Amino acid sequence: MLAASDPLRHLKLQLVLIKRTLRVSPDQALATLEKLLSEVSSLPQGQERVRLYLYIAEAARQGQRGGVGASSDGIALRFHALNQAVADAKNSPDLQSTAELELVRLYREEHREADALQIAKMVLSRAGQGLTPHVRWQLEAERARAELSMGHIPQALQAFASSFDAAESIRADLPKLDEKGRSWFSQALVPLYLERVGLLVEQSTLDRPNVSRHALLKEAILTLEAINRASLEEFLGHSCGVPDQKVR
């Protein structure tokens, strides 16, 4: 049984075993995760149990290349773990919004854009200004991608803008390197910023009433300038002395 006194340590040991078996035996790795999910459900409800559910869902996601997450059973396991995390975290707003963010991502991976959009809008509406910028920029980014996939261009532009503003407000406090030693900004934010630039430039080429080509291109330039400024700051190892907040 899972030791209630030290569940995170037990889980980390299990994840080490899972990573070792992913390449050679995806089915065995999935069975381990399913067993772990059952053991976690027997723990008392609380923040520790929510974190364990999130760890399990993340392990299944990381195992996609090994065959775990790509299977229907692996996807069902992720849905189960994330839904349990959301249900358990009702008294922990930060954990709940984190679990809901991962659920939105999973729905988008499964091409269920309408479901992803519904949850994203619900979280953004419910949490309001209480949502942390770290979760907000990611949730707005997922909302933007869902809106874009559904052909909702004005809504996608607005969501990309909100995601960009939230990310820029905390960029200086974000990690410099990811778990593989790569630039965190280049891996996490540059793709998002370039998605926004691409959409802005694309829309600026269209002849539409009540749409300012100049305003769209100005926003694209501001976004590219943010990339350049962040890259220079990474190179220099300190802030360039340019205010983080955009001056419109």
C-alpha atoms as a PDB file:
ATOM      1  CA  MET A   1       0.000   0.000   0.000  1.00  0.00           C
ATOM      2  CA  LEU A   2       1.036   3.603  -0.518  1.00  0.00           C
ATOM      3  CA  ALA A   3       2.532   5.054   2.658  1.00  0.00           C
ATOM      4  CA  ALA A   4       0.345   8.013   3.608  1.00  0.00           C
ATOM      5  CA  SER A   5       3.217   9.536   5.598  1.00  0.00           C
ATOM      6  CA  ASP A   6       5.448   9.976   2.542  1.00  0.00           C
ATOM      7  CA  PRO A   7       3.374   9.640  -0.646  1.00  0.00           C
ATOM      8  CA  LEU A   8       5.505  11.979  -2.761  1.00  0.00           C
ATOM      9  CA  ARG A   9       8.693  10.004  -2.084  1.00  0.00           C
ATOM     10  CA  HIS A  10       6.912   6.792  -3.003  1.00  0.00           C
ATOM     11  CA  LEU A  11       5.601   8.370  -6.188  1.00  0.00           C
ATOM     12  CA  LYS A  12       9.049   9.612  -7.226  1.00  0.00           C
ATOM     13  CA  LEU A  13      10.434   6.112  -6.842  1.00  0.00           C
ATOM     14  CA  GLN A  14       7.575   4.780  -8.937  1.00  0.00           C
ATOM     15  CA  LEU A  15       8.207   7.396 -11.640  1.00  0.00           C
ATOM     16  CA  VAL A  16      11.863   6.330 -11.844  1.00  0.00           C
ATOM     17  CA  LEU A  17      10.733   2.779 -12.471  1.00  0.00           C
ATOM     18  CA  ILE A  18       8.164   3.955 -15.010  1.00  0.00           C
ATOM     19  CA  LYS A  19      10.771   5.923 -16.972  1.00  0.00           C
ATOM     20  CA  ARG A  20      12.999   2.855 -17.096  1.00  0.00           C
ATOM     21  CA  THR A  21      10.208   0.646 -18.409  1.00  0.00           C
ATOM     22  CA  LEU A  22       8.684   3.104 -20.914  1.00  0.00           C
ATOM     23  CA  ARG A  23      11.078   2.268 -23.739  1.00  0.00           C
ATOM     24  CA  VAL A  24      10.992  -1.491 -23.312  1.00  0.00           C
ATOM     25  CA  SER A  25       7.539  -2.155 -21.877  1.00  0.00           C
ATOM     26  CA  PRO A  26       4.920   0.595 -22.272  1.00  0.00           C
ATOM     27  CA  ASP A  27       2.152  -1.741 -21.121  1.00  0.00           C
ATOM     28  CA  GLN A  28       3.981  -2.455 -17.864  1.00  0.00           C
ATOM     29  CA  ALA A  29       4.508   1.262 -17.289  1.00  0.00           C
ATOM     30  CA  LEU A  30       0.804   1.919 -17.808  1.00  0.00           C
ATOM     31  CA  ALA A  31      -0.092  -0.869 -15.406  1.00  0.00           C
ATOM     32  CA  THR A  32       2.165   0.738 -12.793  1.00  0.00           C
ATOM     33  CA  LEU A  33       0.459   4.091 -13.247  1.00  0.00           C
ATOM     34  CA  GLU A  34      -2.991   2.506 -12.988  1.00  0.00           C
ATOM     35  CA  LYS A  35      -1.971   0.769  -9.758  1.00  0.00           C
ATOM     36  CA  LEU A  36      -0.581   3.993  -8.407  1.00  0.00           C
ATOM     37  CA  LEU A  37      -3.789   5.838  -9.310  1.00  0.00           C
ATOM     38  CA  SER A  38      -5.791   3.280  -7.351  1.00  0.00           C
ATOM     39  CA  GLU A  39      -3.496   3.651  -4.320  1.00  0.00           C
ATOM     40  CA  VAL A  40      -3.695   7.448  -4.406  1.00  0.00           C
ATOM     41  CA  SER A  41      -7.493   7.321  -4.372  1.00  0.00           C
ATOM     42  CA  SER A  42      -7.323   5.566  -0.999  1.00  0.00           C
ATOM     43  CA  LEU A  43      -5.474   8.483   0.608  1.00  0.00           C
ATOM     44  CA  PRO A  44      -7.316  11.156   2.614  1.00  0.00           C
ATOM     45  CA  GLN A  45      -8.612  13.981   0.448  1.00  0.00           C
ATOM     46  CA  GLY A  46      -6.378  17.030   0.437  1.00  0.00           C
ATOM     47  CA  GLN A  47      -3.678  18.965  -1.371  1.00  0.00           C
ATOM     48  CA  GLU A  48      -1.185  16.086  -1.232  1.00  0.00           C
ATOM     49  CA  ARG A  49      -3.623  13.822  -3.050  1.00  0.00           C
ATOM     50  CA  VAL A  50      -4.261  16.511  -5.677  1.00  0.00           C
ATOM     51  CA  ARG A  51      -0.522  16.845  -6.318  1.00  0.00           C
ATOM     52  CA  LEU A  52      -0.210  13.082  -6.682  1.00  0.00           C
ATOM     53  CA  TYR A  53      -3.003  13.015  -9.254  1.00  0.00           C
ATOM     54  CA  LEU A  54      -1.206  15.767 -11.178  1.00  0.00           C
ATOM     55  CA  TYR A  55       2.082  13.852 -11.031  1.00  0.00           C
ATOM     56  CA  ILE A  56       0.401  10.730 -12.400  1.00  0.00           C
ATOM     57  CA  ALA A  57      -1.233  12.651 -15.238  1.00  0.00           C
ATOM     58  CA  GLU A  58       2.110  14.286 -16.072  1.00  0.00           C
ATOM     59  CA  ALA A  59       3.875  10.918 -16.063  1.00  0.00           C
ATOM     60  CA  ALA A  60       1.315   9.532 -18.497  1.00  0.00           C
ATOM     61  CA  ARG A  61       1.715  12.610 -20.708  1.00  0.00           C
ATOM     62  CA  GLN A  62       5.477  12.273 -20.763  1.00  0.00           C
ATOM     63  CA  GLY A  63       5.085   8.629 -21.699  1.00  0.00           C
ATOM     64  CA  GLN A  64       3.277   9.370 -24.954  1.00  0.00           C
ATOM     65  CA  ARG A  65       6.405   8.812 -27.021  1.00  0.00           C
ATOM     66  CA  GLY A  66       6.887   5.519 -25.254  1.00  0.00           C
ATOM     67  CA  GLY A  67       3.391   4.391 -26.128  1.00  0.00           C
ATOM     68  CA  VAL A  68       1.638   4.983 -22.807  1.00  0.00           C
ATOM     69  CA  GLY A  69      -0.120   8.284 -23.353  1.00  0.00           C
ATOM     70  CA  ALA A  70      -0.875   7.502 -26.989  1.00  0.00           C
ATOM     71  CA  SER A  71      -3.038   4.492 -26.098  1.00  0.00           C
ATOM     72  CA  SER A  72      -6.726   4.847 -25.309  1.00  0.00           C
ATOM     73  CA  ASP A  73      -6.083   3.431 -21.823  1.00  0.00           C
ATOM     74  CA  GLY A  74      -3.329   5.976 -21.223  1.00  0.00           C
ATOM     75  CA  ILE A  75      -5.553   8.846 -22.308  1.00  0.00           C
ATOM     76  CA  ALA A  76      -8.387   7.562 -20.111  1.00  0.00           C
ATOM     77  CA  LEU A  77      -5.962   7.411 -17.179  1.00  0.00           C
ATOM     78  CA  ARG A  78      -4.980  11.048 -17.724  1.00  0.00           C
ATOM     79  CA  PHE A  79      -8.617  12.134 -17.871  1.00  0.00           C
ATOM     80  CA  HIS A  80      -9.381  10.204 -14.688  1.00  0.00           C
ATOM     81  CA  ALA A  81      -6.411  11.621 -12.771  1.00  0.00           C
ATOM     82  CA  LEU A  82      -7.067  15.210 -13.866  1.00  0.00           C
ATOM     83  CA  ASN A  83     -10.797  15.071 -13.178  1.00  0.00           C
ATOM     84  CA  GLN A  84     -10.072  13.697  -9.707  1.00  0.00           C
ATOM     85  CA  ALA A  85      -7.539  16.487  -9.143  1.00  0.00           C
ATOM     86  CA  VAL A  86     -10.084  19.125 -10.149  1.00  0.00           C
ATOM     87  CA  ALA A  87     -12.726  17.622  -7.865  1.00  0.00           C
ATOM     88  CA  ASP A  88     -10.358  17.338  -4.894  1.00  0.00           C
ATOM     89  CA  ALA A  89      -8.954  20.863  -5.258  1.00  0.00           C
ATOM     90  CA  LYS A  90     -12.173  22.814  -4.834  1.00  0.00           C
ATOM     91  CA  ASN A  91     -10.792  24.402  -1.660  1.00  0.00           C
ATOM     92  CA  SER A  92      -7.377  25.064  -3.237  1.00  0.00           C
ATOM     93  CA  PRO A  93      -7.926  27.569  -6.092  1.00  0.00           C
ATOM     94  CA  ASP A  94      -4.320  27.506  -7.364  1.00  0.00           C
ATOM     95  CA  LEU A  95      -4.172  23.715  -7.556  1.00  0.00           C
ATOM     96  CA  GLN A  96      -7.642  23.554  -9.074  1.00  0.00           C
ATOM     97  CA  SER A  97      -6.775  26.017 -11.846  1.00  0.00           C
ATOM     98  CA  THR A  98      -3.537  24.116 -12.523  1.00  0.00           C
ATOM     99  CA  ALA A  99      -5.460  20.853 -12.876  1.00  0.00           C
ATOM    100  CA  GLU A 100      -8.032  22.522 -15.118  1.00  0.00           C
ATOM    101  CA  LEU A 101      -5.243  23.945 -17.298  1.00  0.00           C
ATOM    102  CA  GLU A 102      -3.886  20.431 -17.840  1.00  0.00           C
ATOM    103  CA  LEU A 103      -7.400  19.211 -18.602  1.00  0.00           C
ATOM    104  CA  VAL A 104      -7.774  21.936 -21.243  1.00  0.00           C
ATOM    105  CA  ARG A 105      -4.488  20.828 -22.810  1.00  0.00           C
ATOM    106  CA  LEU A 106      -5.633  17.224 -22.880  1.00  0.00           C
ATOM    107  CA  TYR A 107      -8.920  18.128 -24.561  1.00  0.00           C
ATOM    108  CA  ARG A 108      -6.980  20.072 -27.192  1.00  0.00           C
ATOM    109  CA  GLU A 109      -4.640  17.129 -27.766  1.00  0.00           C
ATOM    110  CA  GLU A 110      -7.729  15.031 -28.414  1.00  0.00           C
ATOM    111  CA  HIS A 111      -9.023  17.682 -30.865  1.00  0.00           C
ATOM    112  CA  ARG A 112     -11.974  18.450 -28.620  1.00  0.00           C
ATOM    113  CA  GLU A 113     -11.591  22.181 -29.041  1.00  0.00           C
ATOM    114  CA  ALA A 114     -15.123  23.071 -27.925  1.00  0.00           C
ATOM    115  CA  ASP A 115     -14.667  21.234 -24.614  1.00  0.00           C
ATOM    116  CA  ALA A 116     -11.250  22.832 -24.084  1.00  0.00           C
ATOM    117  CA  LEU A 117     -12.679  26.269 -24.796  1.00  0.00           C
ATOM    118  CA  GLN A 118     -15.619  25.782 -22.457  1.00  0.00           C
ATOM    119  CA  ILE A 119     -13.361  24.870 -19.526  1.00  0.00           C
ATOM    120  CA  ALA A 120     -10.858  27.659 -20.257  1.00  0.00           C
ATOM    121  CA  LYS A 121     -13.601  30.282 -20.345  1.00  0.00           C
ATOM    122  CA  MET A 122     -15.152  28.902 -17.157  1.00  0.00           C
ATOM    123  CA  VAL A 123     -11.848  29.075 -15.268  1.00  0.00           C
ATOM    124  CA  LEU A 124     -11.021  32.568 -16.526  1.00  0.00           C
ATOM    125  CA  SER A 125     -14.488  33.795 -15.620  1.00  0.00           C
ATOM    126  CA  ARG A 126     -14.600  32.110 -12.225  1.00  0.00           C
ATOM    127  CA  ALA A 127     -11.093  32.953 -11.083  1.00  0.00           C
ATOM    128  CA  GLY A 128     -11.059  36.483 -12.486  1.00  0.00           C
ATOM    129  CA  GLN A 129      -8.193  38.595 -11.203  1.00  0.00           C
ATOM    130  CA  GLY A 130      -7.412  35.942  -8.598  1.00  0.00           C
ATOM    131  CA  LEU A 131      -5.854  33.702 -11.225  1.00  0.00           C
ATOM    132  CA  THR A 132      -2.065  33.734 -10.974  1.00  0.00           C
ATOM    133  CA  PRO A 133      -0.261  35.226 -14.017  1.00  0.00           C
ATOM    134  CA  HIS A 134       1.689  31.973 -14.399  1.00  0.00           C
ATOM    135  CA  VAL A 135      -1.516  29.998 -14.960  1.00  0.00           C
ATOM    136  CA  ARG A 136      -3.290  32.833 -16.768  1.00  0.00           C
ATOM    137  CA  TRP A 137      -0.766  33.172 -19.606  1.00  0.00           C
ATOM    138  CA  GLN A 138      -0.878  29.427 -20.257  1.00  0.00           C
ATOM    139  CA  LEU A 139      -4.661  29.220 -20.041  1.00  0.00           C
ATOM    140  CA  GLU A 140      -5.112  32.222 -22.332  1.00  0.00           C
ATOM    141  CA  ALA A 141      -2.656  30.645 -24.787  1.00  0.00           C
ATOM    142  CA  GLU A 142      -4.696  27.435 -24.878  1.00  0.00           C
ATOM    143  CA  ARG A 143      -7.882  29.468 -25.284  1.00  0.00           C
ATOM    144  CA  ALA A 144      -6.311  31.380 -28.172  1.00  0.00           C
ATOM    145  CA  ARG A 145      -5.318  28.162 -29.940  1.00  0.00           C
ATOM    146  CA  ALA A 146      -8.772  26.674 -29.440  1.00  0.00           C
ATOM    147  CA  GLU A 147     -10.472  29.831 -30.727  1.00  0.00           C
ATOM    148  CA  LEU A 148      -8.154  29.865 -33.734  1.00  0.00           C
ATOM    149  CA  SER A 149      -8.857  26.214 -34.523  1.00  0.00           C
ATOM    150  CA  MET A 150     -12.568  26.989 -34.480  1.00  0.00           C
ATOM    151  CA  GLY A 151     -12.132  29.990 -36.788  1.00  0.00           C
ATOM    152  CA  HIS A 152     -12.852  32.623 -34.134  1.00  0.00           C
ATOM    153  CA  ILE A 153     -10.182  35.108 -35.223  1.00  0.00           C
ATOM    154  CA  PRO A 154     -11.105  38.203 -33.119  1.00  0.00           C
ATOM    155  CA  GLN A 155     -11.394  36.048 -29.995  1.00  0.00           C
ATOM    156  CA  ALA A 156      -8.083  34.349 -30.772  1.00  0.00           C
ATOM    157  CA  LEU A 157      -6.337  37.699 -31.180  1.00  0.00           C
ATOM    158  CA  GLN A 158      -7.742  38.910 -27.874  1.00  0.00           C
ATOM    159  CA  ALA A 159      -6.680  35.721 -26.074  1.00  0.00           C
ATOM    160  CA  PHE A 160      -3.175  35.863 -27.562  1.00  0.00           C
ATOM    161  CA  ALA A 161      -2.910  39.481 -26.383  1.00  0.00           C
ATOM    162  CA  SER A 162      -4.003  38.539 -22.845  1.00  0.00           C
ATOM    163  CA  SER A 163      -1.565  35.633 -22.777  1.00  0.00           C
ATOM    164  CA  PHE A 164       1.269  37.874 -23.975  1.00  0.00           C
ATOM    165  CA  ASP A 165       0.523  40.550 -21.365  1.00  0.00           C
ATOM    166  CA  ALA A 166       0.343  37.999 -18.524  1.00  0.00           C
ATOM    167  CA  ALA A 167       3.578  36.304 -19.593  1.00  0.00           C
ATOM    168  CA  GLU A 168       5.431  39.601 -19.944  1.00  0.00           C
ATOM    169  CA  SER A 169       4.301  40.718 -16.484  1.00  0.00           C
ATOM    170  CA  ILE A 170       6.176  37.814 -14.851  1.00  0.00           C
ATOM    171  CA  ARG A 171       8.832  36.986 -17.439  1.00  0.00           C
ATOM    172  CA  ALA A 172      11.661  38.257 -15.228  1.00  0.00           C
ATOM    173  CA  ASP A 173      10.602  35.804 -12.507  1.00  0.00           C
ATOM    174  CA  LEU A 174      10.344  32.756 -14.762  1.00  0.00           C
ATOM    175  CA  PRO A 175      13.042  30.026 -14.818  1.00  0.00           C
ATOM    176  CA  LYS A 176      16.085  30.677 -16.972  1.00  0.00           C
ATOM    177  CA  LEU A 177      16.561  27.023 -17.938  1.00  0.00           C
ATOM    178  CA  ASP A 178      14.193  24.084 -18.334  1.00  0.00           C
ATOM    179  CA  GLU A 179      14.785  20.581 -16.972  1.00  0.00           C
ATOM    180  CA  LYS A 180      16.995  19.769 -19.980  1.00  0.00           C
ATOM    181  CA  GLY A 181      19.181  22.828 -19.534  1.00  0.00           C
ATOM    182  CA  ARG A 182      17.665  24.730 -22.461  1.00  0.00           C
ATOM    183  CA  SER A 183      16.500  28.318 -22.433  1.00  0.00           C
ATOM    184  CA  TRP A 184      13.064  28.259 -20.803  1.00  0.00           C
ATOM    185  CA  PHE A 185      12.010  31.414 -22.608  1.00  0.00           C
ATOM    186  CA  SER A 186      12.999  30.007 -26.002  1.00  0.00           C
ATOM    187  CA  GLN A 187      11.215  26.731 -25.379  1.00  0.00           C
ATOM    188  CA  ALA A 188       8.030  28.005 -23.709  1.00  0.00           C
ATOM    189  CA  LEU A 189       7.369  31.599 -24.710  1.00  0.00           C
ATOM    190  CA  VAL A 190       9.018  32.186 -28.081  1.00  0.00           C
ATOM    191  CA  PRO A 191       6.717  29.680 -29.882  1.00  0.00           C
ATOM    192  CA  LEU A 192       3.666  31.373 -28.313  1.00  0.00           C
ATOM    193  CA  TYR A 193       4.899  34.858 -29.223  1.00  0.00           C
ATOM    194  CA  LEU A 194       5.609  33.786 -32.802  1.00  0.00           C
ATOM    195  CA  GLU A 195       2.134  32.254 -33.065  1.00  0.00           C
ATOM    196  CA  ARG A 196       0.737  35.637 -32.119  1.00  0.00           C
ATOM    197  CA  VAL A 197       2.981  37.460 -34.595  1.00  0.00           C
ATOM    198  CA  GLY A 198       1.977  35.083 -37.385  1.00  0.00           C
ATOM    199  CA  LEU A 199      -1.720  35.640 -36.781  1.00  0.00           C
ATOM    200  CA  LEU A 200      -1.315  39.415 -36.513  1.00  0.00           C
ATOM    201  CA  VAL A 201       0.648  39.636 -39.759  1.00  0.00           C
ATOM    202  CA  GLU A 202      -1.765  37.315 -41.538  1.00  0.00           C
ATOM    203  CA  GLN A 203      -4.755  39.396 -40.469  1.00  0.00           C
ATOM    204  CA  SER A 204      -2.992  42.622 -41.487  1.00  0.00           C
ATOM    205  CA  THR A 205      -2.926  41.424 -45.102  1.00  0.00           C
ATOM    206  CA  LEU A 206      -6.707  41.068 -45.240  1.00  0.00           C
ATOM    207  CA  ASP A 207      -8.984  43.894 -46.292  1.00  0.00           C
ATOM    208  CA  ARG A 208     -11.595  43.981 -43.532  1.00  0.00           C
ATOM    209  CA  PRO A 209     -13.804  46.826 -42.340  1.00  0.00           C
ATOM    210  CA  ASN A 210     -13.151  48.231 -38.870  1.00  0.00           C
ATOM    211  CA  VAL A 211      -9.754  46.462 -38.711  1.00  0.00           C
ATOM    212  CA  SER A 212      -6.653  48.646 -38.519  1.00  0.00           C
ATOM    213  CA  ARG A 213      -3.743  47.162 -40.435  1.00  0.00           C
ATOM    214  CA  HIS A 214      -1.424  49.592 -38.680  1.00  0.00           C
ATOM    215  CA  ALA A 215      -2.588  48.500 -35.205  1.00  0.00           C
ATOM    216  CA  LEU A 216      -2.114  44.820 -36.048  1.00  0.00           C
ATOM    217  CA  LEU A 217       1.412  45.374 -37.365  1.00  0.00           C
ATOM    218  CA  LYS A 218       2.261  47.542 -34.353  1.00  0.00           C
ATOM    219  CA  GLU A 219       1.292  44.701 -32.012  1.00  0.00           C
ATOM    220  CA  ALA A 220       3.361  42.272 -34.092  1.00  0.00           C
ATOM    221  CA  ILE A 221       6.395  44.551 -33.809  1.00  0.00           C
ATOM    222  CA  LEU A 222       5.905  44.938 -30.034  1.00  0.00           C
ATOM    223  CA  THR A 223       5.838  41.157 -29.700  1.00  0.00           C
ATOM    224  CA  LEU A 224       9.000  40.725 -31.766  1.00  0.00           C
ATOM    225  CA  GLU A 225      10.684  43.433 -29.706  1.00  0.00           C
ATOM    226  CA  ALA A 226       9.808  41.504 -26.551  1.00  0.00           C
ATOM    227  CA  ILE A 227      11.536  38.417 -27.989  1.00  0.00           C
ATOM    228  CA  ASN A 228      14.625  40.432 -28.901  1.00  0.00           C
ATOM    229  CA  ARG A 229      14.742  42.143 -25.507  1.00  0.00           C
ATOM    230  CA  ALA A 230      14.412  38.846 -23.640  1.00  0.00           C
ATOM    231  CA  SER A 231      17.087  37.212 -25.789  1.00  0.00           C
ATOM    232  CA  LEU A 232      19.474  40.093 -25.122  1.00  0.00           C
ATOM    233  CA  GLU A 233      18.770  39.972 -21.398  1.00  0.00           C
ATOM    234  CA  GLU A 234      19.521  36.240 -21.400  1.00  0.00           C
ATOM    235  CA  PHE A 235      22.790  36.888 -23.211  1.00  0.00           C
ATOM    236  CA  LEU A 236      23.829  39.708 -20.877  1.00  0.00           C
ATOM    237  CA  GLY A 237      22.560  37.973 -17.764  1.00  0.00           C
ATOM    238  CA  HIS A 238      20.600  40.985 -16.517  1.00  0.00           C
ATOM    239  CA  SER A 239      17.792  43.361 -17.451  1.00  0.00           C
ATOM    240  CA  CYS A 240      18.456  45.780 -20.301  1.00  0.00           C
ATOM    241  CA  GLY A 241      16.863  48.580 -18.317  1.00  0.00           C
ATOM    242  CA  VAL A 242      13.745  48.565 -20.470  1.00  0.00           C
ATOM    243  CA  PRO A 243      10.477  48.524 -18.488  1.00  0.00           C
ATOM    244  CA  ASP A 244       8.717  45.153 -18.657  1.00  0.00           C
ATOM    245  CA  GLN A 245       5.306  46.783 -19.057  1.00  0.00           C
ATOM    246  CA  LYS A 246       4.543  47.772 -22.619  1.00  0.00           C
ATOM    247  CA  VAL A 247       4.021  51.483 -23.263  1.00  0.00           C
ATOM    248  CA  ARG A 248       1.289  51.723 -25.807  1.00  0.00           C
END
